[in-house]
Amino acid sequence: MRRDPGPPILALLPAARSTSATTMDTYYDPADLARFHEIGEHAPELADKFFAWYGAVFEDGALTAREKALVALGVAHAVQCPYCIDAYTQDALSKGSDLEQLTEVAHVAAAIKGGSALVHGVQMRKVAQKLGM
């Protein structure tokens, strides 16, 4: 039984972009994004709750849906999810964002991720100092 694909973001995902059944250019098959709803096949109650919550999160609130799409795109870059980068690039563009804004989001994500790696150097220094180095 095919379930409802969930929040509107999932409706943006074109099934027509699938790769050939015999070849795949990347580890992440872009066609798999349109299959996200299948995650609920063996746990429909949990999937329904997730998709309801997920959809509510992206509605206008203190942040607009467009702002939330940009935040989601930044997080997608930080966690390096190609499916999310694909989906939220499309979503942000459909909500009026432009390539300059999307590029800036990618730079913000890179700065946060780089800073996060560097600040953990403090932990390395504490361990080295504790060992008397």
N, C-alpha and C. Protein backbone atom coordinates (compact mmCIF):
# COMPACT_ATOMS: atom_id res chain seq x y z
N MET A 1 0.84 -1.18 0.00
CA MET A 1 0.00 0.00 0.00
C MET A 1 0.88 1.24 0.00
N ARG A 2 0.65 2.16 -0.89
CA ARG A 2 1.43 3.39 -0.98
C ARG A 2 0.86 4.40 0.00
N ARG A 3 1.71 4.96 0.83
CA ARG A 3 1.30 5.93 1.83
C ARG A 3 1.38 7.34 1.26
N ASP A 4 0.69 8.26 1.89
CA ASP A 4 0.78 9.67 1.54
C ASP A 4 2.23 10.10 1.70
N PRO A 5 2.81 10.84 0.73
CA PRO A 5 4.22 11.19 0.80
C PRO A 5 4.56 12.16 1.92
N GLY A 6 3.58 12.65 2.65
CA GLY A 6 3.88 13.51 3.79
C GLY A 6 3.87 14.98 3.44
N PRO A 7 4.75 15.76 4.07
CA PRO A 7 4.72 17.21 3.93
C PRO A 7 4.96 17.67 2.50
N PRO A 8 4.56 18.90 2.20
CA PRO A 8 4.67 19.43 0.84
C PRO A 8 6.07 19.34 0.24
N ILE A 9 7.11 19.42 1.04
CA ILE A 9 8.47 19.36 0.50
C ILE A 9 8.66 18.07 -0.29
N LEU A 10 8.05 17.01 0.17
CA LEU A 10 8.21 15.73 -0.51
C LEU A 10 7.51 15.73 -1.86
N ALA A 11 6.50 16.57 -2.02
CA ALA A 11 5.80 16.66 -3.30
C ALA A 11 6.66 17.34 -4.36
N LEU A 12 7.69 18.06 -3.94
CA LEU A 12 8.59 18.74 -4.89
C LEU A 12 9.51 17.77 -5.60
N LEU A 13 9.64 16.60 -5.08
CA LEU A 13 10.65 15.69 -5.54
C LEU A 13 10.22 14.95 -6.79
N PRO A 14 10.84 15.26 -7.91
CA PRO A 14 10.42 14.65 -9.17
C PRO A 14 10.88 13.20 -9.29
N ALA A 15 9.93 12.31 -9.44
CA ALA A 15 10.25 10.89 -9.61
C ALA A 15 10.93 10.66 -10.95
N ALA A 16 10.75 11.56 -11.89
CA ALA A 16 11.30 11.39 -13.24
C ALA A 16 12.82 11.49 -13.28
N ARG A 17 13.44 11.96 -12.21
CA ARG A 17 14.89 12.11 -12.23
C ARG A 17 15.61 10.83 -11.84
N SER A 18 14.99 9.72 -11.94
CA SER A 18 15.63 8.48 -11.54
C SER A 18 16.76 8.11 -12.50
N THR A 19 17.69 7.38 -11.96
CA THR A 19 18.80 6.92 -12.78
C THR A 19 18.44 5.56 -13.37
N SER A 20 19.23 5.11 -14.29
CA SER A 20 19.00 3.83 -14.93
C SER A 20 19.04 2.70 -13.90
N ALA A 21 18.24 1.68 -14.15
CA ALA A 21 18.20 0.54 -13.24
C ALA A 21 19.51 -0.24 -13.26
N THR A 22 20.29 -0.10 -14.33
CA THR A 22 21.52 -0.88 -14.42
C THR A 22 22.77 -0.08 -14.06
N THR A 23 22.67 1.24 -14.07
CA THR A 23 23.83 2.05 -13.70
C THR A 23 23.41 3.13 -12.72
N MET A 24 24.35 3.53 -11.92
CA MET A 24 24.11 4.60 -10.97
C MET A 24 25.39 5.40 -10.90
N ASP A 25 25.27 6.70 -11.13
CA ASP A 25 26.45 7.56 -11.15
C ASP A 25 26.96 7.91 -9.77
N THR A 26 26.11 7.80 -8.76
CA THR A 26 26.52 8.15 -7.41
C THR A 26 26.03 7.09 -6.43
N TYR A 27 26.60 7.10 -5.26
CA TYR A 27 26.16 6.19 -4.20
C TYR A 27 24.73 6.51 -3.82
N TYR A 28 24.42 7.79 -3.74
CA TYR A 28 23.06 8.23 -3.43
C TYR A 28 22.29 8.36 -4.73
N ASP A 29 21.31 7.51 -4.92
CA ASP A 29 20.49 7.54 -6.12
C ASP A 29 19.44 8.64 -5.95
N PRO A 30 19.44 9.68 -6.78
CA PRO A 30 18.46 10.76 -6.64
C PRO A 30 17.02 10.26 -6.64
N ALA A 31 16.73 9.16 -7.29
CA ALA A 31 15.37 8.62 -7.33
C ALA A 31 14.91 8.17 -5.94
N ASP A 32 15.86 7.85 -5.06
CA ASP A 32 15.49 7.40 -3.72
C ASP A 32 14.80 8.49 -2.91
N LEU A 33 15.09 9.74 -3.18
CA LEU A 33 14.47 10.82 -2.43
C LEU A 33 12.95 10.78 -2.56
N ALA A 34 12.45 10.49 -3.73
CA ALA A 34 11.01 10.41 -3.95
C ALA A 34 10.39 9.19 -3.26
N ARG A 35 11.23 8.31 -2.75
CA ARG A 35 10.74 7.10 -2.07
C ARG A 35 10.74 7.26 -0.54
N PHE A 36 11.00 8.46 -0.06
CA PHE A 36 11.11 8.70 1.38
C PHE A 36 9.88 8.19 2.13
N HIS A 37 8.71 8.37 1.54
CA HIS A 37 7.48 7.93 2.21
C HIS A 37 7.48 6.44 2.53
N GLU A 38 8.27 5.66 1.81
CA GLU A 38 8.30 4.21 2.03
C GLU A 38 8.86 3.85 3.40
N ILE A 39 9.51 4.80 4.06
CA ILE A 39 10.10 4.53 5.36
C ILE A 39 9.04 4.10 6.37
N GLY A 40 7.78 4.43 6.08
CA GLY A 40 6.70 4.08 6.99
C GLY A 40 6.02 2.76 6.74
N GLU A 41 6.49 2.00 5.77
CA GLU A 41 5.80 0.75 5.42
C GLU A 41 5.67 -0.22 6.58
N HIS A 42 6.65 -0.31 7.42
CA HIS A 42 6.61 -1.29 8.50
C HIS A 42 6.43 -0.65 9.87
N ALA A 43 6.25 0.67 9.88
CA ALA A 43 5.96 1.40 11.12
C ALA A 43 5.08 2.60 10.77
N PRO A 44 3.89 2.34 10.24
CA PRO A 44 3.05 3.43 9.74
C PRO A 44 2.66 4.46 10.80
N GLU A 45 2.42 4.02 12.04
CA GLU A 45 2.03 4.97 13.08
C GLU A 45 3.15 5.96 13.35
N LEU A 46 4.37 5.46 13.41
CA LEU A 46 5.52 6.33 13.66
C LEU A 46 5.77 7.26 12.49
N ALA A 47 5.65 6.73 11.28
CA ALA A 47 5.85 7.56 10.09
C ALA A 47 4.80 8.66 10.02
N ASP A 48 3.55 8.32 10.30
CA ASP A 48 2.49 9.33 10.27
C ASP A 48 2.78 10.45 11.26
N LYS A 49 3.23 10.09 12.46
CA LYS A 49 3.56 11.09 13.47
C LYS A 49 4.74 11.94 13.02
N PHE A 50 5.76 11.29 12.47
CA PHE A 50 6.93 12.05 12.00
C PHE A 50 6.53 13.02 10.90
N PHE A 51 5.81 12.54 9.88
CA PHE A 51 5.45 13.39 8.75
C PHE A 51 4.50 14.52 9.15
N ALA A 52 3.62 14.28 10.12
CA ALA A 52 2.74 15.35 10.60
C ALA A 52 3.57 16.42 11.31
N TRP A 53 4.48 15.98 12.17
CA TRP A 53 5.36 16.93 12.88
C TRP A 53 6.26 17.66 11.90
N TYR A 54 6.85 16.93 10.98
CA TYR A 54 7.75 17.49 9.98
C TYR A 54 7.05 18.58 9.17
N GLY A 55 5.83 18.29 8.74
CA GLY A 55 5.07 19.27 7.97
C GLY A 55 4.76 20.51 8.79
N ALA A 56 4.39 20.33 10.05
CA ALA A 56 4.07 21.46 10.92
C ALA A 56 5.30 22.34 11.16
N VAL A 57 6.46 21.73 11.29
CA VAL A 57 7.70 22.47 11.53
C VAL A 57 7.95 23.48 10.41
N PHE A 58 7.62 23.12 9.17
CA PHE A 58 7.96 23.96 8.03
C PHE A 58 6.87 24.96 7.64
N GLU A 59 5.80 25.04 8.44
CA GLU A 59 4.77 26.05 8.19
C GLU A 59 5.28 27.41 8.68
N ASP A 60 4.68 28.47 8.16
CA ASP A 60 5.01 29.81 8.65
C ASP A 60 4.79 29.88 10.15
N GLY A 61 5.70 30.52 10.82
CA GLY A 61 5.61 30.74 12.26
C GLY A 61 6.40 32.00 12.56
N ALA A 62 7.24 31.97 13.58
CA ALA A 62 8.12 33.10 13.84
C ALA A 62 9.06 33.31 12.66
N LEU A 63 9.37 32.22 11.97
CA LEU A 63 10.13 32.28 10.71
C LEU A 63 9.17 31.95 9.58
N THR A 64 9.41 32.56 8.44
CA THR A 64 8.60 32.22 7.27
C THR A 64 9.00 30.85 6.74
N ALA A 65 8.15 30.26 5.93
CA ALA A 65 8.48 28.98 5.31
C ALA A 65 9.74 29.13 4.45
N ARG A 66 9.93 30.28 3.81
CA ARG A 66 11.13 30.51 2.99
C ARG A 66 12.37 30.54 3.88
N GLU A 67 12.29 31.23 5.01
CA GLU A 67 13.44 31.27 5.93
C GLU A 67 13.76 29.87 6.46
N LYS A 68 12.72 29.12 6.76
CA LYS A 68 12.93 27.75 7.25
C LYS A 68 13.57 26.87 6.18
N ALA A 69 13.20 27.09 4.91
CA ALA A 69 13.83 26.32 3.83
C ALA A 69 15.31 26.65 3.74
N LEU A 70 15.68 27.91 3.96
CA LEU A 70 17.10 28.30 3.94
C LEU A 70 17.84 27.70 5.13
N VAL A 71 17.22 27.71 6.31
CA VAL A 71 17.83 27.07 7.48
C VAL A 71 18.04 25.59 7.20
N ALA A 72 17.00 24.94 6.66
CA ALA A 72 17.09 23.51 6.35
C ALA A 72 18.20 23.23 5.35
N LEU A 73 18.36 24.11 4.37
CA LEU A 73 19.43 23.93 3.39
C LEU A 73 20.80 24.04 4.06
N GLY A 74 20.96 24.99 4.97
CA GLY A 74 22.22 25.11 5.71
C GLY A 74 22.52 23.87 6.54
N VAL A 75 21.50 23.37 7.23
CA VAL A 75 21.68 22.14 8.02
C VAL A 75 22.00 20.97 7.10
N ALA A 76 21.33 20.91 5.96
CA ALA A 76 21.59 19.83 5.00
C ALA A 76 23.04 19.82 4.56
N HIS A 77 23.60 21.01 4.35
CA HIS A 77 25.03 21.09 3.99
C HIS A 77 25.90 20.64 5.17
N ALA A 78 25.53 21.08 6.36
CA ALA A 78 26.34 20.73 7.54
C ALA A 78 26.34 19.24 7.82
N VAL A 79 25.19 18.58 7.63
CA VAL A 79 25.13 17.14 7.88
C VAL A 79 25.45 16.34 6.62
N GLN A 80 25.68 17.04 5.53
CA GLN A 80 26.09 16.47 4.24
C GLN A 80 25.10 15.43 3.73
N CYS A 81 23.81 15.81 3.70
CA CYS A 81 22.77 14.92 3.18
C CYS A 81 22.42 15.36 1.76
N PRO A 82 22.84 14.59 0.76
CA PRO A 82 22.56 14.99 -0.62
C PRO A 82 21.06 15.05 -0.93
N TYR A 83 20.28 14.17 -0.29
CA TYR A 83 18.84 14.21 -0.51
C TYR A 83 18.25 15.52 0.00
N CYS A 84 18.68 15.93 1.18
CA CYS A 84 18.17 17.17 1.77
C CYS A 84 18.67 18.40 1.00
N ILE A 85 19.90 18.36 0.55
CA ILE A 85 20.42 19.47 -0.26
C ILE A 85 19.58 19.62 -1.52
N ASP A 86 19.27 18.51 -2.16
CA ASP A 86 18.43 18.51 -3.36
C ASP A 86 17.05 19.09 -3.03
N ALA A 87 16.40 18.53 -2.02
CA ALA A 87 15.03 18.93 -1.68
C ALA A 87 14.94 20.38 -1.25
N TYR A 88 15.86 20.82 -0.39
CA TYR A 88 15.75 22.18 0.14
C TYR A 88 16.31 23.23 -0.80
N THR A 89 17.14 22.85 -1.75
CA THR A 89 17.50 23.77 -2.83
C THR A 89 16.25 24.06 -3.64
N GLN A 90 15.54 23.00 -4.02
CA GLN A 90 14.30 23.17 -4.78
C GLN A 90 13.28 23.98 -3.98
N ASP A 91 13.13 23.65 -2.70
CA ASP A 91 12.13 24.30 -1.87
C ASP A 91 12.44 25.79 -1.69
N ALA A 92 13.70 26.10 -1.40
CA ALA A 92 14.07 27.51 -1.20
C ALA A 92 13.87 28.31 -2.49
N LEU A 93 14.25 27.72 -3.62
CA LEU A 93 14.05 28.40 -4.90
C LEU A 93 12.56 28.62 -5.18
N SER A 94 11.75 27.61 -4.89
CA SER A 94 10.31 27.72 -5.15
C SER A 94 9.65 28.76 -4.25
N LYS A 95 10.31 29.08 -3.13
CA LYS A 95 9.75 30.06 -2.20
C LYS A 95 10.37 31.45 -2.40
N GLY A 96 11.13 31.63 -3.49
CA GLY A 96 11.62 32.96 -3.83
C GLY A 96 13.07 33.25 -3.53
N SER A 97 13.80 32.29 -3.00
CA SER A 97 15.23 32.52 -2.76
C SER A 97 15.97 32.50 -4.09
N ASP A 98 17.15 33.10 -4.12
CA ASP A 98 17.94 33.11 -5.35
C ASP A 98 19.28 32.41 -5.12
N LEU A 99 20.03 32.23 -6.19
CA LEU A 99 21.29 31.49 -6.12
C LEU A 99 22.30 32.17 -5.19
N GLU A 100 22.30 33.49 -5.15
CA GLU A 100 23.21 34.20 -4.25
C GLU A 100 22.90 33.85 -2.79
N GLN A 101 21.62 33.79 -2.43
CA GLN A 101 21.24 33.43 -1.07
C GLN A 101 21.60 31.98 -0.77
N LEU A 102 21.35 31.08 -1.72
CA LEU A 102 21.67 29.67 -1.51
C LEU A 102 23.18 29.49 -1.32
N THR A 103 23.96 30.22 -2.10
CA THR A 103 25.42 30.13 -1.99
C THR A 103 25.88 30.64 -0.64
N GLU A 104 25.27 31.73 -0.18
CA GLU A 104 25.64 32.28 1.13
C GLU A 104 25.31 31.28 2.24
N VAL A 105 24.17 30.60 2.11
CA VAL A 105 23.80 29.57 3.08
C VAL A 105 24.87 28.48 3.13
N ALA A 106 25.35 28.05 1.97
CA ALA A 106 26.39 27.02 1.94
C ALA A 106 27.66 27.51 2.64
N HIS A 107 28.00 28.79 2.47
CA HIS A 107 29.19 29.34 3.14
C HIS A 107 28.98 29.42 4.65
N VAL A 108 27.78 29.80 5.08
CA VAL A 108 27.50 29.84 6.52
C VAL A 108 27.65 28.44 7.10
N ALA A 109 27.09 27.44 6.42
CA ALA A 109 27.20 26.06 6.91
C ALA A 109 28.65 25.62 6.98
N ALA A 110 29.44 25.97 5.96
CA ALA A 110 30.86 25.60 5.95
C ALA A 110 31.61 26.29 7.09
N ALA A 111 31.29 27.55 7.36
CA ALA A 111 31.96 28.28 8.44
C ALA A 111 31.63 27.66 9.80
N ILE A 112 30.36 27.30 10.00
CA ILE A 112 29.97 26.68 11.27
C ILE A 112 30.63 25.32 11.42
N LYS A 113 30.64 24.54 10.34
CA LYS A 113 31.24 23.21 10.41
C LYS A 113 32.76 23.31 10.63
N GLY A 114 33.40 24.25 9.94
CA GLY A 114 34.84 24.45 10.12
C GLY A 114 35.16 24.95 11.52
N GLY A 115 34.36 25.89 12.00
CA GLY A 115 34.57 26.40 13.36
C GLY A 115 34.36 25.33 14.40
N SER A 116 33.39 24.47 14.16
CA SER A 116 33.12 23.37 15.08
C SER A 116 34.32 22.43 15.16
N ALA A 117 34.92 22.15 14.01
CA ALA A 117 36.11 21.28 14.01
C ALA A 117 37.27 21.96 14.74
N LEU A 118 37.46 23.25 14.49
CA LEU A 118 38.57 23.97 15.13
C LEU A 118 38.39 24.11 16.63
N VAL A 119 37.18 24.42 17.08
CA VAL A 119 36.98 24.62 18.52
C VAL A 119 37.24 23.34 19.30
N HIS A 120 37.08 22.19 18.64
CA HIS A 120 37.41 20.93 19.31
C HIS A 120 38.92 20.79 19.53
N GLY A 121 39.68 21.66 18.90
CA GLY A 121 41.11 21.73 19.18
C GLY A 121 41.39 22.08 20.63
N VAL A 122 40.45 22.77 21.26
CA VAL A 122 40.59 23.09 22.69
C VAL A 122 40.64 21.79 23.49
N GLN A 123 39.81 20.82 23.11
CA GLN A 123 39.82 19.53 23.80
C GLN A 123 41.16 18.83 23.62
N MET A 124 41.68 18.90 22.38
CA MET A 124 42.98 18.29 22.10
C MET A 124 44.07 18.93 22.97
N ARG A 125 44.02 20.26 23.06
CA ARG A 125 45.03 20.96 23.85
C ARG A 125 44.91 20.61 25.34
N LYS A 126 43.68 20.46 25.85
CA LYS A 126 43.50 20.10 27.24
C LYS A 126 44.08 18.72 27.53
N VAL A 127 43.87 17.78 26.62
CA VAL A 127 44.41 16.44 26.80
C VAL A 127 45.93 16.49 26.76
N ALA A 128 46.48 17.19 25.79
CA ALA A 128 47.94 17.30 25.67
C ALA A 128 48.54 17.97 26.90
N GLN A 129 47.90 19.03 27.39
CA GLN A 129 48.40 19.71 28.59
C GLN A 129 48.31 18.82 29.81
N LYS A 130 47.25 18.04 29.92
CA LYS A 130 47.08 17.13 31.05
C LYS A 130 48.19 16.08 31.04
N LEU A 131 48.59 15.66 29.86
CA LEU A 131 49.66 14.67 29.74
C LEU A 131 51.03 15.29 29.91
N GLY A 132 51.08 16.60 30.08
CA GLY A 132 52.34 17.29 30.33
C GLY A 132 53.15 17.56 29.08
N MET A 133 52.51 17.66 27.96
CA MET A 133 53.23 17.91 26.72
C MET A 133 53.35 19.37 26.45
